[in-house]
Amino acid sequence: MLGTSLLSPLHKIRVMNVSLHEFVQYQPVKYDIFPLSPVSRHRLSLVQKKTLVLDLDETLIHSHHDAMPRNSVKPGTPHDFTVQVTIDRHPVRFFVHKRPHVDFFLSVVSQWYDVVVFTASMEIYGAAVADKLDNGRNILRKRYYRQHCTPDFSSYTKDLTAINNDLNNIFIIDNSPNAYRCFPNNAIPIKSWFSDPMDIALLSLLPLLDALRFTNDVRSVLSRNLHFHRLW
């Protein structure tokens, strides 16, 4: 078990008993969602539904294109899907690798939160990737792209108030601390992912995300963990 919720219901992450080779190849996971207790149902009814903002590149996926060196991905590692877009009149094909358990992660958190994609990538690329990740599930309907970011020297910051001006009820998961530099109390850092098939970062966040939906103010929890931002 990787963790249980800090509150009822008692959610569990279970990894099935398989060989190392099978685990790397298939990574079968079951996450049991039990009915809320009456106390938990009442508690949840007293707070507003919250907004979970998700970055794309190196948070949910990693991609490279035809002209990009593949130093970050082991040769021979199969990609999960491709997207082909036209940039400056030139067709560019991106090979996209999904972070382990991302489909499962999205299916769970979409039951708890209003999910928003906020990427610093160009819309033509970000929209194509989000469409593939959503895969017709209607989970990633709300999206923000580079034009919604604030240029900050050589990078971009993301204004959460453009999505929801009530900072009690919004937070972001992003591998880039600069992206949420103006909102450190509304952020959960995550290690950048490129190709590790054993990565369980998304799964490990589920108990925390389960608990946060019961809070009156997400900052009451997230502001206590600012030291984690320096780890990545």
C-alpha atoms as a PDB file:
ATOM      1  CA  MET A   1       0.000   0.000   0.000  1.00  0.00           C
ATOM      2  CA  LEU A   2       1.391   3.383  -0.976  1.00  0.00           C
ATOM      3  CA  GLY A   3      -0.864   5.365   1.306  1.00  0.00           C
ATOM      4  CA  THR A   4      -4.353   5.916   2.614  1.00  0.00           C
ATOM      5  CA  SER A   5      -6.466   9.016   2.874  1.00  0.00           C
ATOM      6  CA  LEU A   6      -6.081  11.296   5.868  1.00  0.00           C
ATOM      7  CA  LEU A   7      -9.869  11.314   6.025  1.00  0.00           C
ATOM      8  CA  SER A   8     -12.656   8.863   5.392  1.00  0.00           C
ATOM      9  CA  PRO A   9     -13.168   7.201   2.919  1.00  0.00           C
ATOM     10  CA  LEU A  10     -10.408   4.670   3.303  1.00  0.00           C
ATOM     11  CA  HIS A  11      -8.908   4.716  -0.153  1.00  0.00           C
ATOM     12  CA  LYS A  12      -6.156   2.278  -0.933  1.00  0.00           C
ATOM     13  CA  ILE A  13      -3.630   1.955  -3.709  1.00  0.00           C
ATOM     14  CA  ARG A  14      -2.739  -1.645  -4.381  1.00  0.00           C
ATOM     15  CA  VAL A  15      -0.069  -2.882  -6.741  1.00  0.00           C
ATOM     16  CA  MET A  16      -0.674  -6.479  -7.817  1.00  0.00           C
ATOM     17  CA  ASN A  17       1.895  -9.178  -7.149  1.00  0.00           C
ATOM     18  CA  VAL A  18       3.834  -9.546 -10.382  1.00  0.00           C
ATOM     19  CA  SER A  19       7.416 -10.045 -11.497  1.00  0.00           C
ATOM     20  CA  LEU A  20       9.641  -7.003 -11.988  1.00  0.00           C
ATOM     21  CA  HIS A  21       9.474  -7.422 -15.764  1.00  0.00           C
ATOM     22  CA  GLU A  22       5.681  -7.603 -15.711  1.00  0.00           C
ATOM     23  CA  PHE A  23       5.510  -4.597 -13.382  1.00  0.00           C
ATOM     24  CA  VAL A  24       7.622  -2.456 -15.692  1.00  0.00           C
ATOM     25  CA  GLN A  25       5.624  -3.521 -18.722  1.00  0.00           C
ATOM     26  CA  TYR A  26       2.082  -3.394 -17.372  1.00  0.00           C
ATOM     27  CA  GLN A  27       2.110  -1.734 -13.925  1.00  0.00           C
ATOM     28  CA  PRO A  28      -1.390  -2.986 -13.003  1.00  0.00           C
ATOM     29  CA  VAL A  29      -2.861  -0.862 -10.227  1.00  0.00           C
ATOM     30  CA  LYS A  30      -6.154  -0.911  -8.428  1.00  0.00           C
ATOM     31  CA  TYR A  31      -7.430   2.042  -6.425  1.00  0.00           C
ATOM     32  CA  ASP A  32     -10.497   1.180  -4.378  1.00  0.00           C
ATOM     33  CA  ILE A  33     -12.960   3.996  -3.825  1.00  0.00           C
ATOM     34  CA  PHE A  34     -15.280   3.186  -0.954  1.00  0.00           C
ATOM     35  CA  PRO A  35     -18.489   5.102  -0.223  1.00  0.00           C
ATOM     36  CA  LEU A  36     -18.078   8.182   1.947  1.00  0.00           C
ATOM     37  CA  SER A  37     -19.086   7.854   5.544  1.00  0.00           C
ATOM     38  CA  PRO A  38     -21.981  10.071   6.698  1.00  0.00           C
ATOM     39  CA  VAL A  39     -19.484  12.306   8.511  1.00  0.00           C
ATOM     40  CA  SER A  40     -17.358  12.704   5.390  1.00  0.00           C
ATOM     41  CA  ARG A  41     -20.377  13.361   3.186  1.00  0.00           C
ATOM     42  CA  HIS A  42     -21.487  16.096   5.565  1.00  0.00           C
ATOM     43  CA  ARG A  43     -18.012  17.609   5.693  1.00  0.00           C
ATOM     44  CA  LEU A  44     -17.733  17.641   1.908  1.00  0.00           C
ATOM     45  CA  SER A  45     -21.128  19.325   1.605  1.00  0.00           C
ATOM     46  CA  LEU A  46     -19.834  22.260   3.668  1.00  0.00           C
ATOM     47  CA  VAL A  47     -16.974  23.192   1.333  1.00  0.00           C
ATOM     48  CA  GLN A  48     -16.808  24.320  -2.278  1.00  0.00           C
ATOM     49  CA  LYS A  49     -15.654  22.013  -5.025  1.00  0.00           C
ATOM     50  CA  LYS A  50     -12.081  22.887  -5.864  1.00  0.00           C
ATOM     51  CA  THR A  51     -10.099  23.386  -9.055  1.00  0.00           C
ATOM     52  CA  LEU A  52      -7.057  21.246  -9.775  1.00  0.00           C
ATOM     53  CA  VAL A  53      -4.700  22.753 -12.357  1.00  0.00           C
ATOM     54  CA  LEU A  54      -2.347  20.369 -14.159  1.00  0.00           C
ATOM     55  CA  ASP A  55       0.753  21.103 -16.194  1.00  0.00           C
ATOM     56  CA  LEU A  56       1.494  18.911 -19.208  1.00  0.00           C
ATOM     57  CA  ASP A  57       5.163  18.560 -20.184  1.00  0.00           C
ATOM     58  CA  GLU A  58       7.317  16.646 -17.698  1.00  0.00           C
ATOM     59  CA  THR A  59       4.325  16.547 -15.311  1.00  0.00           C
ATOM     60  CA  LEU A  60       1.806  14.345 -17.132  1.00  0.00           C
ATOM     61  CA  ILE A  61       3.788  13.546 -20.280  1.00  0.00           C
ATOM     62  CA  HIS A  62       7.169  13.913 -21.968  1.00  0.00           C
ATOM     63  CA  SER A  63       7.567  14.497 -25.689  1.00  0.00           C
ATOM     64  CA  HIS A  64      10.228  14.995 -28.311  1.00  0.00           C
ATOM     65  CA  HIS A  65       9.970  15.800 -31.993  1.00  0.00           C
ATOM     66  CA  ASP A  66      11.711  14.716 -35.176  1.00  0.00           C
ATOM     67  CA  ALA A  67      14.507  17.283 -34.951  1.00  0.00           C
ATOM     68  CA  MET A  68      15.002  17.056 -31.181  1.00  0.00           C
ATOM     69  CA  PRO A  69      17.822  14.931 -29.708  1.00  0.00           C
ATOM     70  CA  ARG A  70      16.404  12.061 -27.640  1.00  0.00           C
ATOM     71  CA  ASN A  71      18.929  12.302 -24.809  1.00  0.00           C
ATOM     72  CA  SER A  72      16.171  12.157 -22.202  1.00  0.00           C
ATOM     73  CA  VAL A  73      14.610   8.927 -23.510  1.00  0.00           C
ATOM     74  CA  LYS A  74      16.375   5.579 -23.689  1.00  0.00           C
ATOM     75  CA  PRO A  75      16.740   4.457 -27.326  1.00  0.00           C
ATOM     76  CA  GLY A  76      14.071   1.950 -28.269  1.00  0.00           C
ATOM     77  CA  THR A  77      11.566   3.191 -25.666  1.00  0.00           C
ATOM     78  CA  PRO A  78       8.180   3.136 -27.412  1.00  0.00           C
ATOM     79  CA  HIS A  79       6.083   6.289 -27.359  1.00  0.00           C
ATOM     80  CA  ASP A  80       2.393   6.188 -26.461  1.00  0.00           C
ATOM     81  CA  PHE A  81       1.069   8.410 -29.222  1.00  0.00           C
ATOM     82  CA  THR A  82       2.083  11.001 -31.784  1.00  0.00           C
ATOM     83  CA  VAL A  83       0.713  14.428 -32.581  1.00  0.00           C
ATOM     84  CA  GLN A  84       1.470  16.244 -35.799  1.00  0.00           C
ATOM     85  CA  VAL A  85       1.102  20.012 -35.901  1.00  0.00           C
ATOM     86  CA  THR A  86       2.176  22.816 -38.199  1.00  0.00           C
ATOM     87  CA  ILE A  87       4.482  25.424 -36.678  1.00  0.00           C
ATOM     88  CA  ASP A  88       5.665  28.355 -38.799  1.00  0.00           C
ATOM     89  CA  ARG A  89       4.331  26.537 -41.876  1.00  0.00           C
ATOM     90  CA  HIS A  90       6.430  23.469 -41.118  1.00  0.00           C
ATOM     91  CA  PRO A  91       4.851  20.134 -40.125  1.00  0.00           C
ATOM     92  CA  VAL A  92       6.300  18.854 -36.851  1.00  0.00           C
ATOM     93  CA  ARG A  93       5.635  15.395 -35.439  1.00  0.00           C
ATOM     94  CA  PHE A  94       5.845  14.934 -31.658  1.00  0.00           C
ATOM     95  CA  PHE A  95       6.368  11.527 -30.048  1.00  0.00           C
ATOM     96  CA  VAL A  96       4.608  11.569 -26.694  1.00  0.00           C
ATOM     97  CA  HIS A  97       5.315   9.360 -23.674  1.00  0.00           C
ATOM     98  CA  LYS A  98       2.673   9.230 -20.940  1.00  0.00           C
ATOM     99  CA  ARG A  99       3.805   9.317 -17.324  1.00  0.00           C
ATOM    100  CA  PRO A 100       3.043   5.988 -15.621  1.00  0.00           C
ATOM    101  CA  HIS A 101      -0.535   5.815 -14.303  1.00  0.00           C
ATOM    102  CA  VAL A 102      -1.582   9.147 -15.846  1.00  0.00           C
ATOM    103  CA  ASP A 103      -4.822   7.739 -17.317  1.00  0.00           C
ATOM    104  CA  PHE A 104      -5.790   6.250 -13.993  1.00  0.00           C
ATOM    105  CA  PHE A 105      -4.795   9.411 -12.131  1.00  0.00           C
ATOM    106  CA  LEU A 106      -6.983  11.583 -14.354  1.00  0.00           C
ATOM    107  CA  SER A 107      -9.965   9.262 -14.007  1.00  0.00           C
ATOM    108  CA  VAL A 108      -9.763   9.482 -10.201  1.00  0.00           C
ATOM    109  CA  VAL A 109      -9.059  13.199  -9.682  1.00  0.00           C
ATOM    110  CA  SER A 110     -11.743  14.179 -12.181  1.00  0.00           C
ATOM    111  CA  GLN A 111     -14.273  12.707  -9.746  1.00  0.00           C
ATOM    112  CA  TRP A 112     -13.014  15.022  -6.997  1.00  0.00           C
ATOM    113  CA  TYR A 113     -12.113  18.275  -8.757  1.00  0.00           C
ATOM    114  CA  ASP A 114     -12.752  20.562 -11.676  1.00  0.00           C
ATOM    115  CA  VAL A 115      -9.660  19.700 -13.697  1.00  0.00           C
ATOM    116  CA  VAL A 116      -7.892  22.331 -15.788  1.00  0.00           C
ATOM    117  CA  VAL A 117      -4.860  21.967 -18.053  1.00  0.00           C
ATOM    118  CA  PHE A 118      -2.459  24.924 -17.907  1.00  0.00           C
ATOM    119  CA  THR A 119       0.605  24.564 -20.104  1.00  0.00           C
ATOM    120  CA  ALA A 120       3.255  27.041 -21.218  1.00  0.00           C
ATOM    121  CA  SER A 121       3.342  25.253 -24.563  1.00  0.00           C
ATOM    122  CA  MET A 122       1.821  26.652 -27.735  1.00  0.00           C
ATOM    123  CA  GLU A 123      -1.897  25.985 -28.059  1.00  0.00           C
ATOM    124  CA  ILE A 124      -1.588  24.046 -31.311  1.00  0.00           C
ATOM    125  CA  TYR A 125       0.614  21.488 -29.527  1.00  0.00           C
ATOM    126  CA  GLY A 126      -0.982  21.590 -26.062  1.00  0.00           C
ATOM    127  CA  ALA A 127      -4.492  21.144 -27.427  1.00  0.00           C
ATOM    128  CA  ALA A 128      -3.469  18.119 -29.486  1.00  0.00           C
ATOM    129  CA  VAL A 129      -1.769  16.478 -26.490  1.00  0.00           C
ATOM    130  CA  ALA A 130      -4.708  17.237 -24.183  1.00  0.00           C
ATOM    131  CA  ASP A 131      -7.120  15.733 -26.724  1.00  0.00           C
ATOM    132  CA  LYS A 132      -5.111  12.510 -26.751  1.00  0.00           C
ATOM    133  CA  LEU A 133      -4.885  12.366 -22.960  1.00  0.00           C
ATOM    134  CA  ASP A 134      -8.582  13.040 -22.581  1.00  0.00           C
ATOM    135  CA  ASN A 135      -9.391  10.317 -25.106  1.00  0.00           C
ATOM    136  CA  GLY A 136     -13.036  11.271 -25.319  1.00  0.00           C
ATOM    137  CA  ARG A 137     -13.620  11.184 -21.556  1.00  0.00           C
ATOM    138  CA  ASN A 138     -14.522  14.892 -21.391  1.00  0.00           C
ATOM    139  CA  ILE A 139     -12.160  15.360 -18.425  1.00  0.00           C
ATOM    140  CA  LEU A 140      -9.814  17.999 -19.831  1.00  0.00           C
ATOM    141  CA  ARG A 141     -12.335  20.453 -21.242  1.00  0.00           C
ATOM    142  CA  LYS A 142     -10.850  23.571 -19.619  1.00  0.00           C
ATOM    143  CA  ARG A 143      -7.448  24.523 -21.004  1.00  0.00           C
ATOM    144  CA  TYR A 144      -4.978  27.398 -20.809  1.00  0.00           C
ATOM    145  CA  TYR A 145      -1.910  27.794 -22.998  1.00  0.00           C
ATOM    146  CA  ARG A 146       1.169  29.940 -23.545  1.00  0.00           C
ATOM    147  CA  GLN A 147      -0.879  33.002 -24.474  1.00  0.00           C
ATOM    148  CA  HIS A 148      -2.447  32.860 -21.002  1.00  0.00           C
ATOM    149  CA  CYS A 149       0.948  32.808 -19.253  1.00  0.00           C
ATOM    150  CA  THR A 150       3.022  35.785 -18.134  1.00  0.00           C
ATOM    151  CA  PRO A 151       6.495  36.004 -19.738  1.00  0.00           C
ATOM    152  CA  ASP A 152       9.172  35.965 -17.060  1.00  0.00           C
ATOM    153  CA  PHE A 153      12.648  36.377 -18.570  1.00  0.00           C
ATOM    154  CA  SER A 154      13.296  33.022 -20.319  1.00  0.00           C
ATOM    155  CA  SER A 155      10.240  31.224 -18.926  1.00  0.00           C
ATOM    156  CA  TYR A 156       6.576  31.723 -18.109  1.00  0.00           C
ATOM    157  CA  THR A 157       4.526  32.061 -14.940  1.00  0.00           C
ATOM    158  CA  LYS A 158       0.920  30.956 -14.595  1.00  0.00           C
ATOM    159  CA  ASP A 159      -1.703  33.216 -13.062  1.00  0.00           C
ATOM    160  CA  LEU A 160      -4.098  31.004 -11.143  1.00  0.00           C
ATOM    161  CA  THR A 161      -6.495  33.895 -10.560  1.00  0.00           C
ATOM    162  CA  ALA A 162      -7.194  33.924 -14.301  1.00  0.00           C
ATOM    163  CA  ILE A 163      -8.869  30.558 -13.724  1.00  0.00           C
ATOM    164  CA  ASN A 164     -10.360  31.086 -10.272  1.00  0.00           C
ATOM    165  CA  ASN A 165      -9.839  34.242  -8.233  1.00  0.00           C
ATOM    166  CA  ASP A 166     -10.761  32.412  -5.027  1.00  0.00           C
ATOM    167  CA  LEU A 167      -7.357  31.128  -3.950  1.00  0.00           C
ATOM    168  CA  ASN A 168      -8.961  29.089  -1.183  1.00  0.00           C
ATOM    169  CA  ASN A 169     -10.170  26.650  -3.786  1.00  0.00           C
ATOM    170  CA  ILE A 170      -7.523  26.285  -6.477  1.00  0.00           C
ATOM    171  CA  PHE A 171      -4.079  24.708  -6.668  1.00  0.00           C
ATOM    172  CA  ILE A 172      -1.611  23.555  -9.297  1.00  0.00           C
ATOM    173  CA  ILE A 173       0.614  20.520  -9.822  1.00  0.00           C
ATOM    174  CA  ASP A 174       3.644  21.518 -11.878  1.00  0.00           C
ATOM    175  CA  ASN A 175       7.243  20.357 -12.215  1.00  0.00           C
ATOM    176  CA  SER A 176       8.473  23.942 -12.711  1.00  0.00           C
ATOM    177  CA  PRO A 177       8.635  26.069  -9.538  1.00  0.00           C
ATOM    178  CA  ASN A 178       8.853  29.200 -11.663  1.00  0.00           C
ATOM    179  CA  ALA A 179       5.419  28.466 -13.109  1.00  0.00           C
ATOM    180  CA  TYR A 180       3.762  28.966  -9.719  1.00  0.00           C
ATOM    181  CA  ARG A 181       6.301  31.462  -8.331  1.00  0.00           C
ATOM    182  CA  CYS A 182       3.516  33.915  -7.463  1.00  0.00           C
ATOM    183  CA  PHE A 183       1.364  31.226  -5.804  1.00  0.00           C
ATOM    184  CA  PRO A 184       3.652  28.986  -3.704  1.00  0.00           C
ATOM    185  CA  ASN A 185       0.874  28.327  -1.187  1.00  0.00           C
ATOM    186  CA  ASN A 186      -1.341  26.979  -3.966  1.00  0.00           C
ATOM    187  CA  ALA A 187       1.100  24.536  -5.479  1.00  0.00           C
ATOM    188  CA  ILE A 188       2.173  20.927  -5.205  1.00  0.00           C
ATOM    189  CA  PRO A 189       5.621  20.329  -6.709  1.00  0.00           C
ATOM    190  CA  ILE A 190       6.270  17.179  -8.667  1.00  0.00           C
ATOM    191  CA  LYS A 191       9.544  15.806  -9.949  1.00  0.00           C
ATOM    192  CA  SER A 192      10.123  16.244 -13.684  1.00  0.00           C
ATOM    193  CA  TRP A 193       9.441  13.021 -15.553  1.00  0.00           C
ATOM    194  CA  PHE A 194      11.097  11.929 -18.781  1.00  0.00           C
ATOM    195  CA  SER A 195      11.095   8.160 -19.178  1.00  0.00           C
ATOM    196  CA  ASP A 196      11.303   6.248 -15.862  1.00  0.00           C
ATOM    197  CA  PRO A 197       8.805   3.352 -16.197  1.00  0.00           C
ATOM    198  CA  MET A 198       8.872   2.779 -12.420  1.00  0.00           C
ATOM    199  CA  ASP A 199       7.717   6.301 -11.563  1.00  0.00           C
ATOM    200  CA  ILE A 200       4.802   6.422  -9.103  1.00  0.00           C
ATOM    201  CA  ALA A 201       4.671  10.168  -8.430  1.00  0.00           C
ATOM    202  CA  LEU A 202       1.092  10.569  -9.645  1.00  0.00           C
ATOM    203  CA  LEU A 203      -0.123   7.638  -7.583  1.00  0.00           C
ATOM    204  CA  SER A 204       1.669   8.922  -4.509  1.00  0.00           C
ATOM    205  CA  LEU A 205      -0.257  12.195  -4.721  1.00  0.00           C
ATOM    206  CA  LEU A 206      -3.706  10.592  -4.571  1.00  0.00           C
ATOM    207  CA  PRO A 207      -3.995  10.395  -0.757  1.00  0.00           C
ATOM    208  CA  LEU A 208      -3.111  14.096  -0.441  1.00  0.00           C
ATOM    209  CA  LEU A 209      -5.510  15.049  -3.215  1.00  0.00           C
ATOM    210  CA  ASP A 210      -8.235  13.003  -1.577  1.00  0.00           C
ATOM    211  CA  ALA A 211      -7.768  14.925   1.673  1.00  0.00           C
ATOM    212  CA  LEU A 212      -7.481  18.409   0.155  1.00  0.00           C
ATOM    213  CA  ARG A 213     -11.001  18.350  -1.234  1.00  0.00           C
ATOM    214  CA  PHE A 214     -12.343  18.424   2.344  1.00  0.00           C
ATOM    215  CA  THR A 215     -10.490  21.609   3.361  1.00  0.00           C
ATOM    216  CA  ASN A 216     -11.910  25.101   3.570  1.00  0.00           C
ATOM    217  CA  ASP A 217      -8.677  26.540   2.216  1.00  0.00           C
ATOM    218  CA  VAL A 218      -6.089  24.454   0.361  1.00  0.00           C
ATOM    219  CA  ARG A 219      -3.389  26.887   1.508  1.00  0.00           C
ATOM    220  CA  SER A 220      -3.887  25.779   5.106  1.00  0.00           C
ATOM    221  CA  VAL A 221      -2.263  22.494   4.072  1.00  0.00           C
ATOM    222  CA  LEU A 222      -0.026  23.396   1.138  1.00  0.00           C
ATOM    223  CA  SER A 223       1.672  26.347   2.872  1.00  0.00           C
ATOM    224  CA  ARG A 224       3.102  23.897   5.401  1.00  0.00           C
ATOM    225  CA  ASN A 225       5.059  22.039   2.743  1.00  0.00           C
ATOM    226  CA  LEU A 226       7.001  24.820   1.043  1.00  0.00           C
ATOM    227  CA  HIS A 227      10.286  23.033   1.806  1.00  0.00           C
ATOM    228  CA  PHE A 228       9.279  20.359  -0.730  1.00  0.00           C
ATOM    229  CA  HIS A 229       9.480  22.929  -3.519  1.00  0.00           C
ATOM    230  CA  ARG A 230      13.253  22.979  -3.147  1.00  0.00           C
ATOM    231  CA  LEU A 231      13.587  19.231  -3.662  1.00  0.00           C
ATOM    232  CA  TRP A 232      12.927  19.377  -7.370  1.00  0.00           C
END
